[in-house]
Amino acid sequence: MSSQPRGVPQARLVQLGGEATTRPIVLIHGFGSDRQGWLANAPALFGLDAVFALELPGHGGASIAVGDGGLSTHVEAARAALADLPGPVDLVGHSLGGAVALALAQAEPVRTGSLALIAPAAVSAPIEPGFPRAFAGLEDEDAARRVLEQLVANPRHLGRGLVPHVLAGLAQPGRRDALAAIAEGLAHHPIDEAQRAFLRDPPMPLLLVWGGRDAICPPDLDLIDAIGPRALLFPEAGHMPHVEVMGRFNQALLGHLRAAREGGGS
């Protein structure tokens, strides 16, 4: 890493669609992704309320500054970006975004209407830095495709446009250094047993989704069993079940959010 991006880490909130009423839905992407990662899922939710994508520091249109790159930096930036939204807020997070959503729900349970986590990072095992470090250093299409294929069980689910989109993002000034700083910051984040206890008995409706062939954040089968019907394991999917089994995932998420609005669980 040549230099760490300077400035104040800030997240960016972007409305993807839907009409605002009283209960916005916020989608939080994983490492190296951005609002584009939700384009296959967000339209299924537009009939419920306004749907927002939250871009974390160092990603998409958020600040290039990432502070120390640690999880707490992302959580505080996310909290500030969401401060003006009416509550309660339904949080949906994937991987790094799942870790952020979980921390937000712990810190502000009254404000969190429901919580949906997709392969959340730092829940089942310490974050393995190999993938994020390799991602930050990608420079050509062949290498990018090899690294990105770790995200899915079947490479055809990557889509033609993903590799060019990733490389274009990495070409932006300061992006590689920002992501490298995040990779190092996350590498030292420990497992929080309080989070696991929180997930076993959450104060809000919960949906936990994992792919059985996830090579980035392997599924925690004991936790899935403990959570019971609020957890879904898609055996054929990798780290991106919301993309790999999009139809079934969207149906499950929509059911979870509808049940939460009716005052029940998932």
Protein backbone atom coordinates (compact mmCIF):
# COMPACT_ATOMS: atom_id res chain seq x y z
CA MET A 1 0.00 0.00 0.00
CA SER A 2 1.57 3.25 -1.14
CA SER A 3 -0.40 5.72 0.99
CA GLN A 4 -3.55 5.75 3.03
CA PRO A 5 -6.38 7.95 1.71
CA ARG A 6 -6.82 11.05 3.86
CA GLY A 7 -9.95 12.86 4.95
CA VAL A 8 -13.11 11.95 6.83
CA PRO A 9 -14.60 8.54 5.98
CA GLN A 10 -18.13 9.04 4.71
CA ALA A 11 -20.73 6.61 3.42
CA ARG A 12 -23.13 7.50 0.61
CA LEU A 13 -26.86 6.79 0.59
CA VAL A 14 -28.52 6.38 -2.82
CA GLN A 15 -32.22 5.74 -3.42
CA LEU A 16 -32.67 2.91 -5.91
CA GLY A 17 -36.45 3.07 -6.20
CA GLY A 18 -39.73 2.66 -4.39
CA GLU A 19 -41.85 5.34 -2.76
CA ALA A 20 -41.03 6.63 0.71
CA THR A 21 -43.59 5.99 3.42
CA THR A 22 -42.40 5.33 6.94
CA ARG A 23 -40.07 2.32 6.79
CA PRO A 24 -37.13 2.56 4.38
CA ILE A 25 -35.13 -0.47 3.32
CA VAL A 26 -31.34 -0.10 3.29
CA LEU A 27 -29.09 -2.47 1.35
CA ILE A 28 -25.40 -2.58 2.35
CA HIS A 29 -22.92 -4.15 -0.08
CA GLY A 30 -19.88 -6.32 0.56
CA PHE A 31 -16.17 -5.60 0.16
CA GLY A 32 -15.27 -4.23 -3.26
CA SER A 33 -18.87 -3.85 -4.35
CA ASP A 34 -21.22 -0.86 -4.55
CA ARG A 35 -24.88 -0.03 -5.23
CA GLN A 36 -24.70 -1.91 -8.54
CA GLY A 37 -24.49 -5.17 -6.63
CA TRP A 38 -28.18 -4.90 -5.67
CA LEU A 39 -29.70 -4.24 -9.09
CA ALA A 40 -31.02 -7.81 -9.34
CA ASN A 41 -32.67 -7.64 -5.91
CA ALA A 42 -33.86 -4.10 -5.27
CA PRO A 43 -36.74 -4.00 -7.80
CA ALA A 44 -38.45 -6.87 -5.99
CA LEU A 45 -38.71 -4.60 -2.94
CA PHE A 46 -39.94 -1.39 -4.57
CA GLY A 47 -43.57 -2.14 -3.71
CA LEU A 48 -42.84 -2.04 0.02
CA ASP A 49 -41.18 1.33 0.57
CA ALA A 50 -38.24 3.44 -0.54
CA VAL A 51 -35.19 1.23 -1.17
CA PHE A 52 -31.74 2.68 -0.59
CA ALA A 53 -28.23 1.41 -1.24
CA LEU A 54 -25.60 2.45 1.27
CA GLU A 55 -22.12 2.68 -0.22
CA LEU A 56 -19.40 2.29 2.41
CA PRO A 57 -16.20 4.39 2.56
CA GLY A 58 -13.77 3.45 -0.20
CA HIS A 59 -16.57 2.08 -2.40
CA GLY A 60 -18.73 3.46 -5.20
CA GLY A 61 -19.49 7.13 -4.77
CA ALA A 62 -18.63 7.27 -1.06
CA SER A 63 -15.52 9.01 0.24
CA ILE A 64 -12.17 7.63 -0.82
CA ALA A 65 -11.04 8.20 2.78
CA VAL A 66 -11.38 5.05 4.91
CA GLY A 67 -9.62 5.98 8.17
CA ASP A 68 -7.95 2.92 9.65
CA GLY A 69 -10.00 0.66 7.37
CA GLY A 70 -11.51 -1.18 10.33
CA LEU A 71 -15.08 -2.28 10.78
CA SER A 72 -15.87 0.41 13.35
CA THR A 73 -14.99 3.09 10.79
CA HIS A 74 -17.59 1.71 8.39
CA VAL A 75 -20.19 1.38 11.14
CA GLU A 76 -19.81 5.00 12.24
CA ALA A 77 -19.91 6.25 8.64
CA ALA A 78 -23.03 4.17 8.00
CA ARG A 79 -24.71 5.46 11.14
CA ALA A 80 -24.08 9.07 10.11
CA ALA A 81 -25.41 8.47 6.59
CA LEU A 82 -28.62 6.89 7.92
CA ALA A 83 -29.25 9.47 10.63
CA ASP A 84 -31.81 11.47 8.63
CA LEU A 85 -33.89 8.48 7.50
CA PRO A 86 -37.19 7.97 9.34
CA GLY A 87 -37.28 4.86 11.48
CA PRO A 88 -37.58 2.03 11.87
CA VAL A 89 -35.19 0.99 9.11
CA ASP A 90 -34.96 -2.48 7.59
CA LEU A 91 -31.29 -3.41 7.18
CA VAL A 92 -30.04 -5.89 4.57
CA GLY A 93 -26.30 -6.53 4.47
CA HIS A 94 -23.98 -8.79 2.49
CA SER A 95 -20.55 -9.91 3.78
CA LEU A 96 -18.79 -6.73 5.00
CA GLY A 97 -22.17 -5.02 4.73
CA GLY A 98 -23.64 -7.80 6.85
CA ALA A 99 -21.09 -7.11 9.57
CA VAL A 100 -21.96 -3.40 9.40
CA ALA A 101 -25.72 -4.08 9.49
CA LEU A 102 -25.31 -6.40 12.48
CA ALA A 103 -23.29 -3.83 14.40
CA LEU A 104 -25.87 -1.14 13.64
CA ALA A 105 -28.69 -3.39 14.83
CA GLN A 106 -26.84 -4.11 18.06
CA ALA A 107 -26.16 -0.44 18.69
CA GLU A 108 -29.65 0.78 17.79
CA PRO A 109 -32.14 -2.09 18.15
CA VAL A 110 -35.15 0.20 18.51
CA ARG A 111 -34.33 1.92 15.23
CA THR A 112 -33.81 -1.39 13.40
CA GLY A 113 -37.13 -2.71 12.17
CA SER A 114 -35.65 -5.95 10.85
CA LEU A 115 -32.29 -7.44 9.98
CA ALA A 116 -31.32 -9.60 7.00
CA LEU A 117 -27.74 -10.86 6.78
CA ILE A 118 -26.21 -12.57 3.75
CA ALA A 119 -22.96 -14.43 4.45
CA PRO A 120 -22.02 -11.89 7.15
CA ALA A 121 -18.30 -11.34 7.66
CA ALA A 122 -16.61 -11.86 11.02
CA VAL A 123 -19.45 -13.94 12.47
CA SER A 124 -18.35 -17.53 11.88
CA ALA A 125 -14.58 -17.03 11.59
CA PRO A 126 -11.99 -14.24 11.47
CA ILE A 127 -11.96 -12.42 8.14
CA GLU A 128 -9.52 -14.11 5.77
CA PRO A 129 -7.54 -11.26 4.14
CA GLY A 130 -6.49 -13.22 1.06
CA PHE A 131 -9.47 -12.29 -1.10
CA PRO A 132 -9.65 -8.56 -0.25
CA ARG A 133 -5.89 -8.17 -0.60
CA ALA A 134 -5.94 -9.83 -4.02
CA PHE A 135 -8.98 -7.79 -5.06
CA ALA A 136 -7.27 -4.49 -4.27
CA GLY A 137 -4.32 -5.43 -6.49
CA LEU A 138 -6.24 -6.54 -9.59
CA GLU A 139 -4.98 -5.03 -12.84
CA ASP A 140 -5.99 -7.26 -15.77
CA GLU A 141 -9.14 -9.12 -16.81
CA ASP A 142 -7.79 -12.66 -16.54
CA ALA A 143 -6.52 -12.14 -12.99
CA ALA A 144 -9.70 -10.32 -12.05
CA ARG A 145 -11.90 -13.15 -13.27
CA ARG A 146 -9.84 -15.75 -11.38
CA VAL A 147 -10.16 -13.80 -8.13
CA LEU A 148 -13.83 -12.94 -8.60
CA GLU A 149 -14.68 -16.57 -9.31
CA GLN A 150 -14.01 -17.22 -5.63
CA LEU A 151 -17.28 -15.40 -4.92
CA VAL A 152 -19.54 -17.92 -6.63
CA ALA A 153 -20.03 -21.64 -6.87
CA ASN A 154 -20.65 -21.43 -10.62
CA PRO A 155 -18.58 -18.92 -12.64
CA ARG A 156 -21.46 -18.21 -15.02
CA HIS A 157 -23.13 -16.26 -12.23
CA LEU A 158 -20.47 -13.55 -12.38
CA GLY A 159 -22.04 -11.91 -15.41
CA ARG A 160 -20.21 -10.38 -18.37
CA GLY A 161 -20.09 -6.86 -17.03
CA LEU A 162 -18.66 -7.55 -13.58
CA VAL A 163 -14.96 -7.77 -14.45
CA PRO A 164 -14.91 -4.49 -16.46
CA HIS A 165 -16.95 -2.77 -13.73
CA VAL A 166 -14.50 -3.88 -11.03
CA LEU A 167 -11.43 -2.84 -13.01
CA ALA A 168 -12.98 0.53 -13.85
CA GLY A 169 -13.63 1.12 -10.17
CA LEU A 170 -10.09 0.16 -9.21
CA ALA A 171 -8.74 2.61 -11.80
CA GLN A 172 -10.24 5.58 -9.94
CA PRO A 173 -7.66 7.68 -8.05
CA GLY A 174 -7.02 6.36 -4.57
CA ARG A 175 -9.33 3.33 -4.89
CA ARG A 176 -6.66 0.64 -4.63
CA ASP A 177 -5.07 2.24 -1.57
CA ALA A 178 -8.48 2.62 0.07
CA LEU A 179 -9.40 -1.02 -0.48
CA ALA A 180 -5.95 -2.20 0.59
CA ALA A 181 -6.35 -0.23 3.84
CA ILE A 182 -9.77 -1.83 4.40
CA ALA A 183 -8.35 -5.30 3.74
CA GLU A 184 -5.69 -4.76 6.39
CA GLY A 185 -8.12 -3.19 8.85
CA LEU A 186 -10.54 -6.10 8.58
CA ALA A 187 -7.77 -8.69 8.87
CA HIS A 188 -7.38 -7.81 12.54
CA HIS A 189 -11.07 -7.79 13.45
CA PRO A 190 -11.80 -10.49 16.07
CA ILE A 191 -14.89 -12.68 16.39
CA ASP A 192 -17.41 -11.05 18.70
CA GLU A 193 -19.22 -13.66 20.77
CA ALA A 194 -21.76 -11.03 21.81
CA GLN A 195 -22.83 -10.81 18.18
CA ARG A 196 -23.39 -14.54 17.99
CA ALA A 197 -25.49 -14.40 21.16
CA PHE A 198 -27.43 -11.48 19.66
CA LEU A 199 -28.22 -13.52 16.56
CA ARG A 200 -29.50 -16.44 18.61
CA ASP A 201 -32.06 -14.22 20.32
CA PRO A 202 -32.46 -10.98 18.34
CA PRO A 203 -34.88 -8.25 19.44
CA MET A 204 -36.09 -7.77 15.86
CA PRO A 205 -37.14 -10.08 12.99
CA LEU A 206 -34.06 -11.78 11.55
CA LEU A 207 -33.22 -13.52 8.29
CA LEU A 208 -29.80 -15.17 7.93
CA VAL A 209 -28.86 -16.42 4.45
CA TRP A 210 -25.78 -18.41 3.53
CA GLY A 211 -24.45 -20.37 0.58
CA GLY A 212 -23.32 -23.89 1.35
CA ARG A 213 -20.29 -23.52 -0.95
CA ASP A 214 -19.15 -20.14 0.35
CA ALA A 215 -15.34 -20.03 0.13
CA ILE A 216 -15.03 -16.46 1.47
CA CYS A 217 -17.13 -16.65 4.66
CA PRO A 218 -17.89 -20.35 5.20
CA PRO A 219 -21.34 -20.96 6.70
CA ASP A 220 -21.59 -21.49 10.43
CA LEU A 221 -23.78 -24.59 10.56
CA ASP A 222 -24.09 -24.52 14.35
CA LEU A 223 -25.35 -20.94 14.28
CA ILE A 224 -27.71 -21.74 11.41
CA ASP A 225 -29.15 -24.64 13.41
CA ALA A 226 -29.51 -22.45 16.49
CA ILE A 227 -31.38 -19.77 14.56
CA GLY A 228 -33.73 -22.36 13.08
CA PRO A 229 -36.39 -21.28 10.55
CA ARG A 230 -35.03 -17.74 10.44
CA ALA A 231 -31.92 -19.08 8.66
CA LEU A 232 -31.69 -20.28 5.06
CA LEU A 233 -28.83 -22.33 3.63
CA PHE A 234 -28.65 -22.65 -0.15
CA PRO A 235 -26.34 -25.67 -0.62
CA GLU A 236 -25.56 -24.93 -4.27
CA ALA A 237 -24.58 -21.28 -3.78
CA GLY A 238 -21.28 -19.64 -2.90
CA HIS A 239 -20.64 -16.28 -1.26
CA MET A 240 -23.34 -14.47 -3.26
CA PRO A 241 -26.62 -16.36 -2.82
CA HIS A 242 -28.56 -13.16 -3.54
CA VAL A 243 -27.12 -13.36 -7.08
CA GLU A 244 -26.67 -17.11 -7.56
CA VAL A 245 -30.20 -18.09 -6.47
CA MET A 246 -31.73 -14.69 -7.06
CA GLY A 247 -35.35 -15.74 -7.46
CA ARG A 248 -35.53 -17.80 -4.29
CA PHE A 249 -33.52 -15.25 -2.36
CA ASN A 250 -35.76 -12.37 -3.43
CA GLN A 251 -38.83 -14.36 -2.45
CA ALA A 252 -37.37 -15.13 0.98
CA LEU A 253 -36.30 -11.53 1.59
CA LEU A 254 -39.66 -10.16 0.50
CA GLY A 255 -41.44 -12.57 2.83
CA HIS A 256 -39.16 -11.59 5.69
CA LEU A 257 -39.79 -7.86 5.17
CA ARG A 258 -43.54 -8.30 4.80
CA ALA A 259 -43.72 -10.36 7.98
CA ALA A 260 -41.69 -7.74 9.83
CA ARG A 261 -44.16 -5.07 8.75
CA GLU A 262 -47.06 -7.15 9.98
CA GLY A 263 -45.45 -7.39 13.40
CA GLY A 264 -44.24 -10.98 13.14
CA GLY A 265 -40.96 -12.76 12.62
CA SER A 266 -39.50 -14.22 9.47
